[in-house]
Amino acid sequence: RVTDVGYGLVAPELGIDDYADKNIKGRIALVRRRVPHGLKLTPAQENSYGDMKFKAFLARERGAVGVVFW
């Protein structure tokens, strides 16, 4: 089963948690690549939050069995 988690961002300092109301344990996370426009991120934040390995790590930490990026 696939669950859409938007951009898959978890950034408490920005008040963002795309996993907040989603249970993805045992599911495949559908994650958008990069970061949304208009967040006013520093280049370092944009690189970190947009990194596909980091997004896959976050999904795995929340119980996902796989990740599909689009």
PDB file of N, CA and C in Angstrom:
ATOM      1  N   ARG A   1       0.839  -1.181   0.000  1.00  0.00           N
ATOM      2  CA  ARG A   1       0.000   0.000   0.000  1.00  0.00           C
ATOM      3  C   ARG A   1       0.885   1.245   0.000  1.00  0.00           C
ATOM      4  N   VAL A   2       0.486   2.252  -0.744  1.00  0.00           N
ATOM      5  CA  VAL A   2       1.268   3.483  -0.901  1.00  0.00           C
ATOM      6  C   VAL A   2       0.568   4.628  -0.184  1.00  0.00           C
ATOM      7  N   THR A   3       1.350   5.418   0.549  1.00  0.00           N
ATOM      8  CA  THR A   3       0.821   6.588   1.249  1.00  0.00           C
ATOM      9  C   THR A   3       1.586   7.826   0.805  1.00  0.00           C
ATOM     10  N   ASP A   4       0.857   8.833   0.354  1.00  0.00           N
ATOM     11  CA  ASP A   4       1.454  10.093  -0.083  1.00  0.00           C
ATOM     12  C   ASP A   4       1.824  10.931   1.142  1.00  0.00           C
ATOM     13  N   VAL A   5       3.101  11.284   1.245  1.00  0.00           N
ATOM     14  CA  VAL A   5       3.567  12.114   2.361  1.00  0.00           C
ATOM     15  C   VAL A   5       4.088  13.465   1.875  1.00  0.00           C
ATOM     16  N   GLY A   6       3.600  13.902   0.732  1.00  0.00           N
ATOM     17  CA  GLY A   6       4.016  15.202   0.200  1.00  0.00           C
ATOM     18  C   GLY A   6       5.507  15.231  -0.058  1.00  0.00           C
ATOM     19  N   TYR A   7       6.166  16.252   0.453  1.00  0.00           N
ATOM     20  CA  TYR A   7       7.616  16.376   0.284  1.00  0.00           C
ATOM     21  C   TYR A   7       8.401  15.557   1.312  1.00  0.00           C
ATOM     22  N   GLY A   8       7.704  14.947   2.257  1.00  0.00           N
ATOM     23  CA  GLY A   8       8.387  14.129   3.260  1.00  0.00           C
ATOM     24  C   GLY A   8       9.294  14.930   4.168  1.00  0.00           C
ATOM     25  N   LEU A   9       8.923  16.172   4.437  1.00  0.00           N
ATOM     26  CA  LEU A   9       9.757  17.052   5.255  1.00  0.00           C
ATOM     27  C   LEU A   9       9.418  16.939   6.734  1.00  0.00           C
ATOM     28  N   VAL A  10      10.461  16.988   7.532  1.00  0.00           N
ATOM     29  CA  VAL A  10      10.326  17.105   8.983  1.00  0.00           C
ATOM     30  C   VAL A  10      11.308  18.191   9.400  1.00  0.00           C
ATOM     31  N   ALA A  11      10.769  19.366   9.691  1.00  0.00           N
ATOM     32  CA  ALA A  11      11.590  20.530  10.055  1.00  0.00           C
ATOM     33  C   ALA A  11      10.899  21.262  11.199  1.00  0.00           C
ATOM     34  N   PRO A  12      11.129  20.813  12.438  1.00  0.00           N
ATOM     35  CA  PRO A  12      10.462  21.432  13.588  1.00  0.00           C
ATOM     36  C   PRO A  12      10.703  22.940  13.685  1.00  0.00           C
ATOM     37  N   GLU A  13      11.901  23.391  13.290  1.00  0.00           N
ATOM     38  CA  GLU A  13      12.205  24.817  13.383  1.00  0.00           C
ATOM     39  C   GLU A  13      11.366  25.654  12.419  1.00  0.00           C
ATOM     40  N   LEU A  14      10.789  24.985  11.410  1.00  0.00           N
ATOM     41  CA  LEU A  14       9.923  25.664  10.455  1.00  0.00           C
ATOM     42  C   LEU A  14       8.445  25.331  10.685  1.00  0.00           C
ATOM     43  N   GLY A  15       8.185  24.482  11.688  1.00  0.00           N
ATOM     44  CA  GLY A  15       6.811  24.076  11.969  1.00  0.00           C
ATOM     45  C   GLY A  15       6.248  23.121  10.925  1.00  0.00           C
ATOM     46  N   ILE A  16       7.130  22.320  10.300  1.00  0.00           N
ATOM     47  CA  ILE A  16       6.707  21.399   9.246  1.00  0.00           C
ATOM     48  C   ILE A  16       6.960  19.960   9.670  1.00  0.00           C
ATOM     49  N   ASP A  17       5.925  19.127   9.533  1.00  0.00           N
ATOM     50  CA  ASP A  17       6.061  17.685   9.715  1.00  0.00           C
ATOM     51  C   ASP A  17       5.059  17.012   8.788  1.00  0.00           C
ATOM     52  N   ASP A  18       5.530  16.608   7.614  1.00  0.00           N
ATOM     53  CA  ASP A  18       4.651  15.995   6.624  1.00  0.00           C
ATOM     54  C   ASP A  18       4.154  14.616   7.056  1.00  0.00           C
ATOM     55  N   TYR A  19       4.730  14.060   8.096  1.00  0.00           N
ATOM     56  CA  TYR A  19       4.312  12.750   8.595  1.00  0.00           C
ATOM     57  C   TYR A  19       3.360  12.847   9.791  1.00  0.00           C
ATOM     58  N   ALA A  20       3.040  14.046  10.234  1.00  0.00           N
ATOM     59  CA  ALA A  20       2.302  14.260  11.476  1.00  0.00           C
ATOM     60  C   ALA A  20       1.017  13.446  11.591  1.00  0.00           C
ATOM     61  N   ASP A  21       0.198  13.434  10.584  1.00  0.00           N
ATOM     62  CA  ASP A  21      -1.088  12.742  10.675  1.00  0.00           C
ATOM     63  C   ASP A  21      -1.142  11.487   9.815  1.00  0.00           C
ATOM     64  N   LYS A  22       0.016  10.917   9.511  1.00  0.00           N
ATOM     65  CA  LYS A  22       0.044   9.759   8.621  1.00  0.00           C
ATOM     66  C   LYS A  22       0.743   8.584   9.281  1.00  0.00           C
ATOM     67  N   ASN A  23       0.132   7.421   9.170  1.00  0.00           N
ATOM     68  CA  ASN A  23       0.741   6.188   9.648  1.00  0.00           C
ATOM     69  C   ASN A  23       1.273   5.449   8.431  1.00  0.00           C
ATOM     70  N   ILE A  24       2.589   5.399   8.288  1.00  0.00           N
ATOM     71  CA  ILE A  24       3.159   4.736   7.114  1.00  0.00           C
ATOM     72  C   ILE A  24       3.850   3.425   7.480  1.00  0.00           C
ATOM     73  N   LYS A  25       3.660   2.969   8.686  1.00  0.00           N
ATOM     74  CA  LYS A  25       4.297   1.724   9.106  1.00  0.00           C
ATOM     75  C   LYS A  25       3.856   0.575   8.202  1.00  0.00           C
ATOM     76  N   GLY A  26       4.832  -0.090   7.603  1.00  0.00           N
ATOM     77  CA  GLY A  26       4.564  -1.213   6.722  1.00  0.00           C
ATOM     78  C   GLY A  26       4.085  -0.813   5.334  1.00  0.00           C
ATOM     79  N   ARG A  27       4.142   0.463   5.011  1.00  0.00           N
ATOM     80  CA  ARG A  27       3.670   0.960   3.725  1.00  0.00           C
ATOM     81  C   ARG A  27       4.820   1.554   2.911  1.00  0.00           C
ATOM     82  N   ILE A  28       4.518   1.872   1.686  1.00  0.00           N
ATOM     83  CA  ILE A  28       5.477   2.553   0.818  1.00  0.00           C
ATOM     84  C   ILE A  28       5.156   4.040   0.846  1.00  0.00           C
ATOM     85  N   ALA A  29       6.152   4.858   1.104  1.00  0.00           N
ATOM     86  CA  ALA A  29       5.977   6.310   1.153  1.00  0.00           C
ATOM     87  C   ALA A  29       6.154   6.894  -0.241  1.00  0.00           C
ATOM     88  N   LEU A  30       5.170   7.657  -0.677  1.00  0.00           N
ATOM     89  CA  LEU A  30       5.252   8.384  -1.939  1.00  0.00           C
ATOM     90  C   LEU A  30       5.715   9.797  -1.606  1.00  0.00           C
ATOM     91  N   VAL A  31       6.922  10.149  -2.049  1.00  0.00           N
ATOM     92  CA  VAL A  31       7.567  11.399  -1.634  1.00  0.00           C
ATOM     93  C   VAL A  31       7.924  12.247  -2.849  1.00  0.00           C
ATOM     94  N   ARG A  32       7.569  13.505  -2.790  1.00  0.00           N
ATOM     95  CA  ARG A  32       7.961  14.440  -3.851  1.00  0.00           C
ATOM     96  C   ARG A  32       9.436  14.777  -3.722  1.00  0.00           C
ATOM     97  N   ARG A  33      10.096  14.948  -4.844  1.00  0.00           N
ATOM     98  CA  ARG A  33      11.501  15.324  -4.845  1.00  0.00           C
ATOM     99  C   ARG A  33      11.652  16.801  -4.502  1.00  0.00           C
ATOM    100  N   ARG A  34      12.837  17.148  -4.071  1.00  0.00           N
ATOM    101  CA  ARG A  34      13.218  18.528  -3.749  1.00  0.00           C
ATOM    102  C   ARG A  34      12.417  19.075  -2.573  1.00  0.00           C
ATOM    103  N   VAL A  35      12.253  20.389  -2.537  1.00  0.00           N
ATOM    104  CA  VAL A  35      11.483  21.056  -1.476  1.00  0.00           C
ATOM    105  C   VAL A  35      10.509  22.034  -2.134  1.00  0.00           C
ATOM    106  N   PRO A  36       9.418  22.362  -1.448  1.00  0.00           N
ATOM    107  CA  PRO A  36       8.467  23.289  -2.056  1.00  0.00           C
ATOM    108  C   PRO A  36       9.046  24.699  -2.179  1.00  0.00           C
ATOM    109  N   HIS A  37       8.614  25.400  -3.204  1.00  0.00           N
ATOM    110  CA  HIS A  37       9.031  26.794  -3.388  1.00  0.00           C
ATOM    111  C   HIS A  37       8.343  27.661  -2.345  1.00  0.00           C
ATOM    112  N   GLY A  38       8.993  28.736  -1.948  1.00  0.00           N
ATOM    113  CA  GLY A  38       8.369  29.684  -1.035  1.00  0.00           C
ATOM    114  C   GLY A  38       8.635  29.432   0.433  1.00  0.00           C
ATOM    115  N   LEU A  39       9.479  28.464   0.779  1.00  0.00           N
ATOM    116  CA  LEU A  39       9.773  28.210   2.187  1.00  0.00           C
ATOM    117  C   LEU A  39      10.835  29.141   2.748  1.00  0.00           C
ATOM    118  N   LYS A  40      11.533  29.849   1.883  1.00  0.00           N
ATOM    119  CA  LYS A  40      12.602  30.759   2.301  1.00  0.00           C
ATOM    120  C   LYS A  40      13.690  30.027   3.083  1.00  0.00           C
ATOM    121  N   LEU A  41      14.171  28.934   2.496  1.00  0.00           N
ATOM    122  CA  LEU A  41      15.230  28.148   3.108  1.00  0.00           C
ATOM    123  C   LEU A  41      16.593  28.682   2.698  1.00  0.00           C
ATOM    124  N   THR A  42      17.574  28.477   3.554  1.00  0.00           N
ATOM    125  CA  THR A  42      18.952  28.772   3.174  1.00  0.00           C
ATOM    126  C   THR A  42      19.384  27.698   2.170  1.00  0.00           C
ATOM    127  N   PRO A  43      20.425  27.967   1.393  1.00  0.00           N
ATOM    128  CA  PRO A  43      20.906  26.930   0.471  1.00  0.00           C
ATOM    129  C   PRO A  43      21.275  25.628   1.191  1.00  0.00           C
ATOM    130  N   ALA A  44      21.850  25.733   2.389  1.00  0.00           N
ATOM    131  CA  ALA A  44      22.212  24.533   3.153  1.00  0.00           C
ATOM    132  C   ALA A  44      20.960  23.747   3.559  1.00  0.00           C
ATOM    133  N   GLN A  45      19.919  24.448   4.010  1.00  0.00           N
ATOM    134  CA  GLN A  45      18.671  23.780   4.380  1.00  0.00           C
ATOM    135  C   GLN A  45      18.028  23.126   3.159  1.00  0.00           C
ATOM    136  N   GLU A  46      18.037  23.835   2.047  1.00  0.00           N
ATOM    137  CA  GLU A  46      17.436  23.302   0.829  1.00  0.00           C
ATOM    138  C   GLU A  46      18.144  22.027   0.394  1.00  0.00           C
ATOM    139  N   ASN A  47      19.472  22.015   0.470  1.00  0.00           N
ATOM    140  CA  ASN A  47      20.238  20.818   0.121  1.00  0.00           C
ATOM    141  C   ASN A  47      19.951  19.678   1.088  1.00  0.00           C
ATOM    142  N   SER A  48      19.885  19.980   2.360  1.00  0.00           N
ATOM    143  CA  SER A  48      19.652  18.947   3.368  1.00  0.00           C
ATOM    144  C   SER A  48      18.245  18.372   3.271  1.00  0.00           C
ATOM    145  N   TYR A  49      17.236  19.237   3.294  1.00  0.00           N
ATOM    146  CA  TYR A  49      15.850  18.771   3.277  1.00  0.00           C
ATOM    147  C   TYR A  49      15.443  18.171   1.932  1.00  0.00           C
ATOM    148  N   GLY A  50      16.118  18.554   0.873  1.00  0.00           N
ATOM    149  CA  GLY A  50      15.800  18.034  -0.451  1.00  0.00           C
ATOM    150  C   GLY A  50      16.541  16.764  -0.814  1.00  0.00           C
ATOM    151  N   ASP A  51      17.479  16.344   0.016  1.00  0.00           N
ATOM    152  CA  ASP A  51      18.293  15.168  -0.255  1.00  0.00           C
ATOM    153  C   ASP A  51      17.444  13.891  -0.213  1.00  0.00           C
ATOM    154  N   MET A  52      17.492  13.110  -1.282  1.00  0.00           N
ATOM    155  CA  MET A  52      16.668  11.908  -1.370  1.00  0.00           C
ATOM    156  C   MET A  52      17.065  10.854  -0.342  1.00  0.00           C
ATOM    157  N   LYS A  53      18.345  10.738  -0.033  1.00  0.00           N
ATOM    158  CA  LYS A  53      18.779   9.776   0.991  1.00  0.00           C
ATOM    159  C   LYS A  53      18.219  10.165   2.349  1.00  0.00           C
ATOM    160  N   PHE A  54      18.234  11.452   2.649  1.00  0.00           N
ATOM    161  CA  PHE A  54      17.700  11.940   3.915  1.00  0.00           C
ATOM    162  C   PHE A  54      16.198  11.675   3.994  1.00  0.00           C
ATOM    163  N   LYS A  55      15.487  11.921   2.898  1.00  0.00           N
ATOM    164  CA  LYS A  55      14.046  11.681   2.867  1.00  0.00           C
ATOM    165  C   LYS A  55      13.738  10.193   3.040  1.00  0.00           C
ATOM    166  N   ALA A  56      14.539   9.327   2.415  1.00  0.00           N
ATOM    167  CA  ALA A  56      14.355   7.886   2.567  1.00  0.00           C
ATOM    168  C   ALA A  56      14.620   7.468   4.015  1.00  0.00           C
ATOM    169  N   PHE A  57      15.639   8.048   4.634  1.00  0.00           N
ATOM    170  CA  PHE A  57      15.940   7.772   6.036  1.00  0.00           C
ATOM    171  C   PHE A  57      14.763   8.149   6.931  1.00  0.00           C
ATOM    172  N   LEU A  58      14.181   9.336   6.710  1.00  0.00           N
ATOM    173  CA  LEU A  58      13.036   9.775   7.513  1.00  0.00           C
ATOM    174  C   LEU A  58      11.854   8.826   7.361  1.00  0.00           C
ATOM    175  N   ALA A  59      11.606   8.385   6.135  1.00  0.00           N
ATOM    176  CA  ALA A  59      10.501   7.459   5.893  1.00  0.00           C
ATOM    177  C   ALA A  59      10.753   6.128   6.600  1.00  0.00           C
ATOM    178  N   ARG A  60      11.979   5.625   6.517  1.00  0.00           N
ATOM    179  CA  ARG A  60      12.308   4.358   7.177  1.00  0.00           C
ATOM    180  C   ARG A  60      12.171   4.478   8.685  1.00  0.00           C
ATOM    181  N   GLU A  61      12.607   5.602   9.236  1.00  0.00           N
ATOM    182  CA  GLU A  61      12.495   5.825  10.681  1.00  0.00           C
ATOM    183  C   GLU A  61      11.038   5.816  11.150  1.00  0.00           C
ATOM    184  N   ARG A  62      10.123   6.116  10.252  1.00  0.00           N
ATOM    185  CA  ARG A  62       8.705   6.143  10.585  1.00  0.00           C
ATOM    186  C   ARG A  62       7.996   4.861  10.210  1.00  0.00           C
ATOM    187  N   GLY A  63       8.761   3.851   9.767  1.00  0.00           N
ATOM    188  CA  GLY A  63       8.209   2.528   9.523  1.00  0.00           C
ATOM    189  C   GLY A  63       7.914   2.171   8.094  1.00  0.00           C
ATOM    190  N   ALA A  64       8.255   3.013   7.133  1.00  0.00           N
ATOM    191  CA  ALA A  64       8.007   2.697   5.732  1.00  0.00           C
ATOM    192  C   ALA A  64       8.877   1.515   5.300  1.00  0.00           C
ATOM    193  N   VAL A  65       8.333   0.681   4.432  1.00  0.00           N
ATOM    194  CA  VAL A  65       9.099  -0.454   3.903  1.00  0.00           C
ATOM    195  C   VAL A  65       9.728  -0.114   2.552  1.00  0.00           C
ATOM    196  N   GLY A  66       9.359   1.031   1.995  1.00  0.00           N
ATOM    197  CA  GLY A  66       9.911   1.461   0.721  1.00  0.00           C
ATOM    198  C   GLY A  66       9.547   2.912   0.459  1.00  0.00           C
ATOM    199  N   VAL A  67      10.231   3.492  -0.514  1.00  0.00           N
ATOM    200  CA  VAL A  67       9.981   4.889  -0.882  1.00  0.00           C
ATOM    201  C   VAL A  67       9.942   4.985  -2.399  1.00  0.00           C
ATOM    202  N   VAL A  68       8.962   5.717  -2.895  1.00  0.00           N
ATOM    203  CA  VAL A  68       8.881   6.035  -4.318  1.00  0.00           C
ATOM    204  C   VAL A  68       8.951   7.548  -4.418  1.00  0.00           C
ATOM    205  N   PHE A  69       9.915   8.046  -5.191  1.00  0.00           N
ATOM    206  CA  PHE A  69      10.061   9.488  -5.388  1.00  0.00           C
ATOM    207  C   PHE A  69       9.421   9.881  -6.704  1.00  0.00           C
ATOM    208  N   TRP A  70       8.798  11.039  -6.708  1.00  0.00           N
ATOM    209  CA  TRP A  70       8.236  11.564  -7.966  1.00  0.00           C
ATOM    210  C   TRP A  70       8.438  13.048  -8.029  1.00  0.00           C
TER     211      TRP A  70
END
